[in-house]
C-alpha atoms as a PDB file:
ATOM      1  CA  MET A   1       0.000   0.000   0.000  1.00  0.00           C
ATOM      2  CA  GLN A   2       2.783   2.451   0.857  1.00  0.00           C
ATOM      3  CA  LYS A   3       4.414   2.002  -2.564  1.00  0.00           C
ATOM      4  CA  PHE A   4       1.069   2.735  -4.224  1.00  0.00           C
ATOM      5  CA  VAL A   5       0.558   5.866  -2.118  1.00  0.00           C
ATOM      6  CA  LEU A   6       4.069   7.055  -2.977  1.00  0.00           C
ATOM      7  CA  TRP A   7       3.480   6.338  -6.676  1.00  0.00           C
ATOM      8  CA  MET A   8       0.222   8.339  -6.611  1.00  0.00           C
ATOM      9  CA  LEU A   9       1.887  11.273  -4.885  1.00  0.00           C
ATOM     10  CA  ILE A  10       4.694  11.260  -7.465  1.00  0.00           C
ATOM     11  CA  PHE A  11       2.125  11.128 -10.295  1.00  0.00           C
ATOM     12  CA  PHE A  12       0.185  14.151  -9.036  1.00  0.00           C
ATOM     13  CA  GLU A  13       3.355  16.125  -8.351  1.00  0.00           C
ATOM     14  CA  ALA A  14       4.739  15.314 -11.825  1.00  0.00           C
ATOM     15  CA  HIS A  15       1.519  16.651 -13.359  1.00  0.00           C
ATOM     16  CA  ASP A  16       1.526  19.792 -11.161  1.00  0.00           C
ATOM     17  CA  THR A  17      -1.775  18.647  -9.646  1.00  0.00           C
ATOM     18  CA  ILE A  18      -3.205  19.109  -6.172  1.00  0.00           C
ATOM     19  CA  LEU A  19      -5.831  16.646  -5.032  1.00  0.00           C
ATOM     20  CA  LEU A  20      -8.381  17.853  -2.460  1.00  0.00           C
ATOM     21  CA  GLY A  21     -11.497  16.290  -1.027  1.00  0.00           C
ATOM     22  CA  VAL A  22     -14.505  18.444  -0.184  1.00  0.00           C
ATOM     23  CA  SER A  23     -17.347  17.293   2.051  1.00  0.00           C
ATOM     24  CA  VAL A  24     -20.634  18.974   3.001  1.00  0.00           C
ATOM     25  CA  ASP A  25     -20.378  17.353   6.448  1.00  0.00           C
ATOM     26  CA  ASN A  26     -19.719  19.363   9.596  1.00  0.00           C
ATOM     27  CA  ILE A  27     -16.207  19.311  11.078  1.00  0.00           C
ATOM     28  CA  PRO A  28     -16.781  16.607  13.767  1.00  0.00           C
ATOM     29  CA  THR A  29     -18.392  14.253  11.238  1.00  0.00           C
ATOM     30  CA  LEU A  30     -15.686  14.972   8.673  1.00  0.00           C
ATOM     31  CA  PHE A  31     -12.981  14.320  11.285  1.00  0.00           C
ATOM     32  CA  ALA A  32     -14.507  10.947  12.209  1.00  0.00           C
ATOM     33  CA  TRP A  33     -14.989   9.959   8.561  1.00  0.00           C
ATOM     34  CA  THR A  34     -11.435  10.783   7.502  1.00  0.00           C
ATOM     35  CA  HIS A  35     -10.003   8.855  10.441  1.00  0.00           C
ATOM     36  CA  GLU A  36     -12.187   5.861   9.594  1.00  0.00           C
ATOM     37  CA  MET A  37     -10.903   5.973   5.995  1.00  0.00           C
ATOM     38  CA  GLY A  38      -7.297   5.554   7.122  1.00  0.00           C
ATOM     39  CA  THR A  39      -4.450   6.907   5.009  1.00  0.00           C
ATOM     40  CA  LEU A  40      -5.660   9.443   2.479  1.00  0.00           C
ATOM     41  CA  LEU A  41      -3.569  10.911  -0.328  1.00  0.00           C
ATOM     42  CA  PHE A  42      -5.176  14.307   0.031  1.00  0.00           C
ATOM     43  CA  ASP A  43      -6.583  16.844   2.466  1.00  0.00           C
ATOM     44  CA  VAL A  44     -10.351  16.896   2.933  1.00  0.00           C
ATOM     45  CA  LEU A  45     -12.035  20.263   3.374  1.00  0.00           C
ATOM     46  CA  SER A  46     -15.396  21.015   4.945  1.00  0.00           C
ATOM     47  CA  ASP A  47     -18.027  22.757   2.806  1.00  0.00           C
ATOM     48  CA  PHE A  48     -20.430  22.963   5.729  1.00  0.00           C
ATOM     49  CA  TRP A  49     -20.721  26.737   6.179  1.00  0.00           C
ATOM     50  CA  PRO A  50     -21.981  28.655   4.354  1.00  0.00           C
ATOM     51  CA  HIS A  51     -23.853  25.474   3.715  1.00  0.00           C
ATOM     52  CA  SER A  52     -22.478  23.589   0.737  1.00  0.00           C
ATOM     53  CA  GLN A  53     -21.466  26.627  -1.310  1.00  0.00           C
ATOM     54  CA  VAL A  54     -18.720  24.708  -3.127  1.00  0.00           C
ATOM     55  CA  ALA A  55     -21.062  21.792  -3.921  1.00  0.00           C
ATOM     56  CA  LYS A  56     -23.682  24.260  -5.194  1.00  0.00           C
ATOM     57  CA  THR A  57     -21.113  26.065  -7.337  1.00  0.00           C
ATOM     58  CA  TYR A  58     -19.994  22.839  -9.019  1.00  0.00           C
ATOM     59  CA  GLY A  59     -23.552  21.551  -9.455  1.00  0.00           C
ATOM     60  CA  VAL A  60     -23.226  18.474  -7.251  1.00  0.00           C
ATOM     61  CA  LEU A  61     -25.446  19.447  -4.306  1.00  0.00           C
ATOM     62  CA  ARG A  62     -28.512  17.231  -3.941  1.00  0.00           C
ATOM     63  CA  SER A  63     -31.881  18.661  -2.916  1.00  0.00           C
ATOM     64  CA  ASN A  64     -31.652  16.853   0.450  1.00  0.00           C
ATOM     65  CA  GLY A  65     -28.461  18.748   1.417  1.00  0.00           C
ATOM     66  CA  THR A  66     -26.020  15.934   0.650  1.00  0.00           C
ATOM     67  CA  ALA A  67     -23.603  16.060  -2.258  1.00  0.00           C
ATOM     68  CA  GLU A  68     -22.940  13.722  -5.133  1.00  0.00           C
ATOM     69  CA  ARG A  69     -19.697  11.776  -4.974  1.00  0.00           C
ATOM     70  CA  ALA A  70     -17.853  13.530  -7.764  1.00  0.00           C
ATOM     71  CA  LEU A  71     -14.369  13.948  -9.154  1.00  0.00           C
ATOM     72  CA  ILE A  72     -13.927  17.456 -10.527  1.00  0.00           C
ATOM     73  CA  LEU A  73     -10.797  18.622 -12.298  1.00  0.00           C
ATOM     74  CA  VAL A  74     -10.292  22.392 -12.293  1.00  0.00           C
ATOM     75  CA  ASP A  75      -7.354  23.915 -14.163  1.00  0.00           C
ATOM     76  CA  LYS A  76      -5.166  26.788 -12.959  1.00  0.00           C
ATOM     77  CA  GLN A  77      -7.419  29.294 -14.711  1.00  0.00           C
ATOM     78  CA  GLY A  78     -10.419  28.020 -12.742  1.00  0.00           C
ATOM     79  CA  LEU A  79     -12.027  26.236 -15.700  1.00  0.00           C
ATOM     80  CA  ILE A  80     -13.748  22.925 -15.068  1.00  0.00           C
ATOM     81  CA  ARG A  81     -11.996  20.413 -17.314  1.00  0.00           C
ATOM     82  CA  PHE A  82     -13.662  17.214 -16.101  1.00  0.00           C
ATOM     83  CA  ILE A  83     -16.529  16.037 -13.882  1.00  0.00           C
ATOM     84  CA  HIS A  84     -17.272  12.424 -13.029  1.00  0.00           C
ATOM     85  CA  VAL A  85     -20.185  11.611 -10.700  1.00  0.00           C
ATOM     86  CA  SER A  86     -20.228   8.114  -9.220  1.00  0.00           C
ATOM     87  CA  ASP A  87     -22.418   6.085  -6.888  1.00  0.00           C
ATOM     88  CA  ILE A  88     -22.502   7.793  -3.486  1.00  0.00           C
ATOM     89  CA  ASN A  89     -21.700   4.501  -1.744  1.00  0.00           C
ATOM     90  CA  ILE A  90     -18.617   3.635  -3.793  1.00  0.00           C
ATOM     91  CA  ARG A  91     -15.232   5.319  -3.545  1.00  0.00           C
ATOM     92  CA  PRO A  92     -14.390   6.477  -7.075  1.00  0.00           C
ATOM     93  CA  ASP A  93     -11.379   5.011  -8.827  1.00  0.00           C
ATOM     94  CA  LEU A  94      -8.641   7.642  -8.991  1.00  0.00           C
ATOM     95  CA  GLY A  95      -7.517   5.998 -12.218  1.00  0.00           C
ATOM     96  CA  ILE A  96     -10.335   7.912 -13.924  1.00  0.00           C
ATOM     97  CA  ILE A  97      -8.896  11.271 -12.956  1.00  0.00           C
ATOM     98  CA  MET A  98      -5.324  10.144 -13.644  1.00  0.00           C
ATOM     99  CA  LYS A  99      -6.213   9.180 -17.236  1.00  0.00           C
ATOM    100  CA  THR A 100      -7.924  12.531 -17.686  1.00  0.00           C
ATOM    101  CA  ILE A 101      -4.922  14.431 -16.319  1.00  0.00           C
ATOM    102  CA  GLU A 102      -2.637  12.557 -18.712  1.00  0.00           C
ATOM    103  CA  SER A 103      -4.899  13.264 -21.699  1.00  0.00           C
ATOM    104  CA  LEU A 104      -5.080  16.978 -20.868  1.00  0.00           C
ATOM    105  CA  ALA A 105      -1.288  17.168 -20.594  1.00  0.00           C
ATOM    106  CA  LYS A 106      -0.865  16.094 -24.240  1.00  0.00           C
END
């Protein structure tokens, strides 16, 4: 697992990419969730207040106040280059975003 984590970190650094997680959960819930997940490759930020403004901005806020599980690639100019929404109960495969990053670098 550690070799994979190191490889992922090298990949993102080589492509001048920062990976961040954003959650609409409050801080205590987010803290518990990230600790339950174990080693993460990225920081996870809370979008709790003002309630879910980031999720609203990127169009992934559900009407019940939860957010879609989405991978969103934003370039340095702030343009959305890629959005992938997956099942809320399944952790998305980072391979999807890695392939997209490689294709955009060409």
